[in-house]
Amino acid sequence: MSDDLSKRRPQDASKINVHEAWELEYWSKELGVTKQQLKEAVMAVGTSVAAVKRYLGK
C-alpha cells in the first residue's frame, strides 16, 4: 500500500515550520489564523505548537 501524498501532515506535530508553504497552510487552517498571524506568533514564541497555541489564546 503506497502513501497518499495528497494528505500532508507535519511529521513532527510538535513543531511548526513556516518555511514550508504547505505546512504554513496546514497550521494556519488548523489554528484558525491567517498565515501572517501564524508567522508573527512563531517569531514571538518559537516553533513549538503548544507555545504558539498559548500565544494565540487557543
Protein backbone atom coordinates (compact mmCIF):
# COMPACT_ATOMS: atom_id res chain seq x y z
CA MET A 1 0.00 0.00 0.00
CA SER A 2 1.55 3.31 -1.00
CA ASP A 3 1.47 6.59 0.88
CA ASP A 4 -1.21 9.10 -0.05
CA LEU A 5 0.88 12.16 -0.85
CA SER A 6 -2.19 14.38 -1.13
CA LYS A 7 -2.68 14.13 2.65
CA ARG A 8 0.12 16.18 4.08
CA ARG A 9 0.55 16.44 7.81
CA PRO A 10 3.62 17.57 9.69
CA GLN A 11 5.99 14.74 10.53
CA ASP A 12 6.77 16.40 13.85
CA ALA A 13 3.38 17.56 15.12
CA SER A 14 5.02 19.46 18.00
CA LYS A 15 6.78 21.99 15.73
CA ILE A 16 5.63 24.50 13.11
CA ASN A 17 7.82 25.10 10.07
CA VAL A 18 6.68 28.37 8.48
CA HIS A 19 9.29 27.97 5.72
CA GLU A 20 7.28 25.17 4.08
CA ALA A 21 4.27 26.60 2.23
CA TRP A 22 2.09 23.51 2.73
CA GLU A 23 2.89 23.40 6.44
CA LEU A 24 2.12 27.10 6.81
CA GLU A 25 -1.22 26.43 5.10
CA TYR A 26 -1.92 23.39 7.30
CA TRP A 27 -1.18 25.13 10.61
CA SER A 28 -2.99 28.37 9.74
CA LYS A 29 -6.15 26.35 8.97
CA GLU A 30 -5.66 24.08 11.98
CA LEU A 31 -5.33 27.07 14.34
CA GLY A 32 -7.88 29.29 12.59
CA VAL A 33 -5.49 32.19 11.95
CA THR A 34 -4.02 33.90 8.92
CA LYS A 35 -0.63 32.90 7.62
CA GLN A 36 0.74 36.27 8.72
CA GLN A 37 -0.64 35.83 12.25
CA LEU A 38 0.96 32.39 12.40
CA LYS A 39 4.32 33.74 11.22
CA GLU A 40 4.17 36.51 13.83
CA ALA A 41 3.32 34.02 16.58
CA VAL A 42 6.25 31.77 15.60
CA MET A 43 8.57 34.79 15.56
CA ALA A 44 7.36 35.79 19.03
CA VAL A 45 7.46 32.41 20.83
CA GLY A 46 9.28 29.92 18.59
CA THR A 47 8.19 26.86 16.66
CA SER A 48 6.54 24.89 19.47
CA VAL A 49 2.88 24.21 18.67
CA ALA A 50 1.99 24.41 22.37
CA ALA A 51 3.71 27.81 22.75
CA VAL A 52 2.07 29.16 19.59
CA LYS A 53 -1.36 27.99 20.79
CA ARG A 54 -0.84 29.72 24.15
CA TYR A 55 0.32 32.90 22.40
CA LEU A 56 -2.75 32.85 20.15
CA GLY A 57 -5.07 32.07 23.03
CA LYS A 58 -6.08 28.65 21.66
